[in-house]
Amino acid sequence: MDSQKEKLVIDGSNVVFGRLATQIAKKLMSGHEVHLINAEHLVIKGNPTQIFERYLVKRGLKNKGTPERSPVWSKVPHLLVKRMISGMLPHENSRGRSALKLLIVYTGNPKSLQKGSMEVPSFDGKSRSMTIKDLCKKLGNSS
C-alpha cells in the first residue's frame, strides 16, 4: 500500500447502505483504509418485512454435502455490514482479500474517530426502510 493513501472515516448514521457500500468497495479496491463508524444506524430501503425474510432465507441456506462449511451470516451489526461489503469485493483473489483487510467496521464510535470529508448521501426518511440494528434484533429473536 502506498504511503499516499489516506485513512477514510465514514459515519454511517442515517445513510443508505447499498449506495455507501459501493463507494466503500471502490475506495478499498483503490487501496484506501476505510473505518466505518455507527454501522448499526445504516438504512436499508424497502419493505421491512421483505428485507427480514430475505436475510432469514440467506441465514438458513446450508450446503447439503458439508453443512459446516456453509456461509455464515452474523446477527451482530458490524460483522453483518462487513460481510455484506465483502460480497462486493472480488474476495477469491489476493487483491480482493487484501482490500477487505483495509476495512474496519465499528458499532458506535469507540475510538472517537473524526468523520472524514467523503460525501455520502443521507437518507431522506420518506420511503419505507429498516436499520441494520433493527434487522439484527429481528434475526436474533427468530432463532
Protein backbone atom coordinates (compact mmCIF):
# COMPACT_ATOMS: atom_id res chain seq x y z
CA MET A 1 0.00 0.00 0.00
CA ASP A 2 1.29 3.46 -0.86
CA SER A 3 2.04 5.91 1.91
CA GLN A 4 -0.01 8.50 -0.02
CA LYS A 5 -3.25 6.58 0.52
CA GLU A 6 -5.34 8.15 3.22
CA LYS A 7 -7.43 6.73 6.03
CA LEU A 8 -11.11 7.49 5.49
CA VAL A 9 -13.54 7.66 8.40
CA ILE A 10 -17.17 7.40 7.32
CA ASP A 11 -20.15 7.93 9.62
CA GLY A 12 -22.97 5.51 8.80
CA SER A 13 -25.69 7.40 10.69
CA ASN A 14 -28.80 7.81 8.54
CA VAL A 15 -27.09 6.71 5.28
CA VAL A 16 -28.49 4.31 2.66
CA PHE A 17 -26.39 1.17 2.99
CA GLY A 18 -26.31 -0.05 -0.63
CA ARG A 19 -25.09 3.26 -2.03
CA LEU A 20 -22.49 3.65 0.68
CA ALA A 21 -21.26 0.07 0.28
CA THR A 22 -20.47 0.55 -3.41
CA GLN A 23 -18.46 3.68 -2.63
CA ILE A 24 -16.60 1.88 0.15
CA ALA A 25 -15.81 -1.08 -2.14
CA LYS A 26 -14.32 1.27 -4.74
CA LYS A 27 -12.20 3.02 -2.11
CA LEU A 28 -10.98 -0.31 -0.74
CA MET A 29 -10.01 -1.55 -4.21
CA SER A 30 -8.02 1.63 -4.78
CA GLY A 31 -6.06 0.93 -1.58
CA HIS A 32 -7.62 3.32 0.93
CA GLU A 33 -8.05 2.25 4.53
CA VAL A 34 -11.72 2.73 5.48
CA HIS A 35 -13.12 2.99 9.01
CA LEU A 36 -16.93 2.84 9.10
CA ILE A 37 -18.40 4.11 12.38
CA ASN A 38 -22.01 3.82 13.60
CA ALA A 39 -22.69 0.80 11.39
CA GLU A 40 -25.86 -0.07 13.29
CA HIS A 41 -27.54 3.15 12.05
CA LEU A 42 -27.17 2.33 8.33
CA VAL A 43 -30.51 2.21 6.49
CA ILE A 44 -31.74 -0.49 4.11
CA LYS A 45 -34.54 0.82 1.90
CA GLY A 46 -37.59 -1.32 1.17
CA ASN A 47 -40.40 -3.15 2.87
CA PRO A 48 -39.10 -4.18 6.34
CA THR A 49 -40.97 -7.50 6.25
CA GLN A 50 -39.45 -8.46 2.90
CA ILE A 51 -35.97 -7.35 4.00
CA PHE A 52 -36.19 -9.51 7.12
CA GLU A 53 -37.48 -12.54 5.18
CA ARG A 54 -34.70 -12.21 2.58
CA TYR A 55 -31.96 -12.26 5.23
CA LEU A 56 -33.70 -15.03 7.14
CA VAL A 57 -33.62 -17.17 3.98
CA LYS A 58 -29.92 -16.36 3.45
CA ARG A 59 -29.13 -17.43 7.01
CA GLY A 60 -30.98 -20.70 6.52
CA LEU A 61 -29.14 -21.81 3.37
CA LYS A 62 -26.92 -24.81 4.03
CA ASN A 63 -24.60 -26.84 1.86
CA LYS A 64 -26.07 -30.37 1.73
CA GLY A 65 -22.76 -32.19 1.48
CA THR A 66 -20.90 -30.30 4.19
CA PRO A 67 -23.26 -28.05 6.18
CA GLU A 68 -20.46 -26.91 8.49
CA ARG A 69 -18.81 -25.16 5.51
CA SER A 70 -21.92 -23.13 4.68
CA PRO A 71 -21.79 -19.32 4.57
CA VAL A 72 -22.17 -17.59 7.92
CA TRP A 73 -24.47 -14.59 8.37
CA SER A 74 -23.94 -12.82 11.67
CA LYS A 75 -26.54 -11.26 13.97
CA VAL A 76 -24.07 -8.59 15.13
CA PRO A 77 -24.37 -5.29 13.20
CA HIS A 78 -20.70 -4.59 12.46
CA LEU A 79 -20.00 -8.17 11.38
CA LEU A 80 -23.11 -8.24 9.17
CA VAL A 81 -22.10 -4.98 7.46
CA LYS A 82 -18.56 -6.24 6.87
CA ARG A 83 -19.94 -9.48 5.41
CA MET A 84 -22.23 -7.60 3.02
CA ILE A 85 -19.42 -5.28 1.85
CA SER A 86 -17.14 -8.29 1.32
CA GLY A 87 -19.73 -9.60 -1.15
CA MET A 88 -18.99 -6.57 -3.33
CA LEU A 89 -15.25 -7.32 -3.43
CA PRO A 90 -13.50 -9.98 -5.53
CA HIS A 91 -12.52 -11.98 -2.43
CA GLU A 92 -11.50 -15.03 -4.50
CA ASN A 93 -8.21 -13.37 -5.49
CA SER A 94 -5.43 -11.81 -3.41
CA ARG A 95 -6.26 -8.25 -4.46
CA GLY A 96 -9.80 -8.51 -3.08
CA ARG A 97 -8.67 -10.25 0.12
CA SER A 98 -6.09 -7.54 0.80
CA ALA A 99 -8.74 -4.88 0.12
CA LEU A 100 -11.06 -6.47 2.69
CA LYS A 101 -8.30 -6.26 5.31
CA LEU A 102 -8.36 -2.48 4.89
CA LEU A 103 -11.99 -2.29 6.08
CA ILE A 104 -12.69 -1.75 9.78
CA VAL A 105 -16.33 -1.51 10.88
CA TYR A 106 -17.39 -0.23 14.30
CA THR A 107 -20.68 -0.36 16.18
CA GLY A 108 -20.83 3.15 17.59
CA ASN A 109 -17.64 5.21 17.70
CA PRO A 110 -15.41 3.55 20.30
CA LYS A 111 -12.21 5.43 19.45
CA SER A 112 -13.87 8.85 18.97
CA LEU A 113 -12.77 8.98 15.35
CA GLN A 114 -13.45 12.19 13.48
CA LYS A 115 -15.73 11.93 10.45
CA GLY A 116 -13.89 12.36 7.16
CA SER A 117 -14.69 14.59 4.23
CA MET A 118 -16.16 11.94 1.92
CA GLU A 119 -19.57 12.92 0.55
CA VAL A 120 -22.22 10.33 1.41
CA PRO A 121 -25.90 10.77 0.55
CA SER A 122 -28.08 10.77 3.65
CA PHE A 123 -31.47 9.07 3.89
CA ASP A 124 -34.46 11.37 3.40
CA GLY A 125 -36.76 9.34 5.66
CA LYS A 126 -39.66 9.37 3.20
CA SER A 127 -39.63 5.79 1.95
CA ARG A 128 -40.05 2.54 3.86
CA SER A 129 -36.84 1.34 5.42
CA MET A 130 -35.16 -0.63 8.15
CA THR A 131 -31.90 -0.02 10.02
CA ILE A 132 -29.19 -2.64 10.40
CA LYS A 133 -29.77 -2.57 14.15
CA ASP A 134 -33.46 -3.46 13.73
CA LEU A 135 -32.60 -6.22 11.25
CA CYS A 136 -30.08 -7.78 13.65
CA LYS A 137 -32.55 -7.62 16.54
CA LYS A 138 -35.18 -9.43 14.47
CA LEU A 139 -32.65 -12.00 13.22
CA GLY A 140 -31.57 -12.68 16.81
CA ASN A 141 -35.12 -13.18 18.03
CA SER A 142 -36.08 -15.50 15.17
CA SER A 143 -33.75 -18.38 16.09
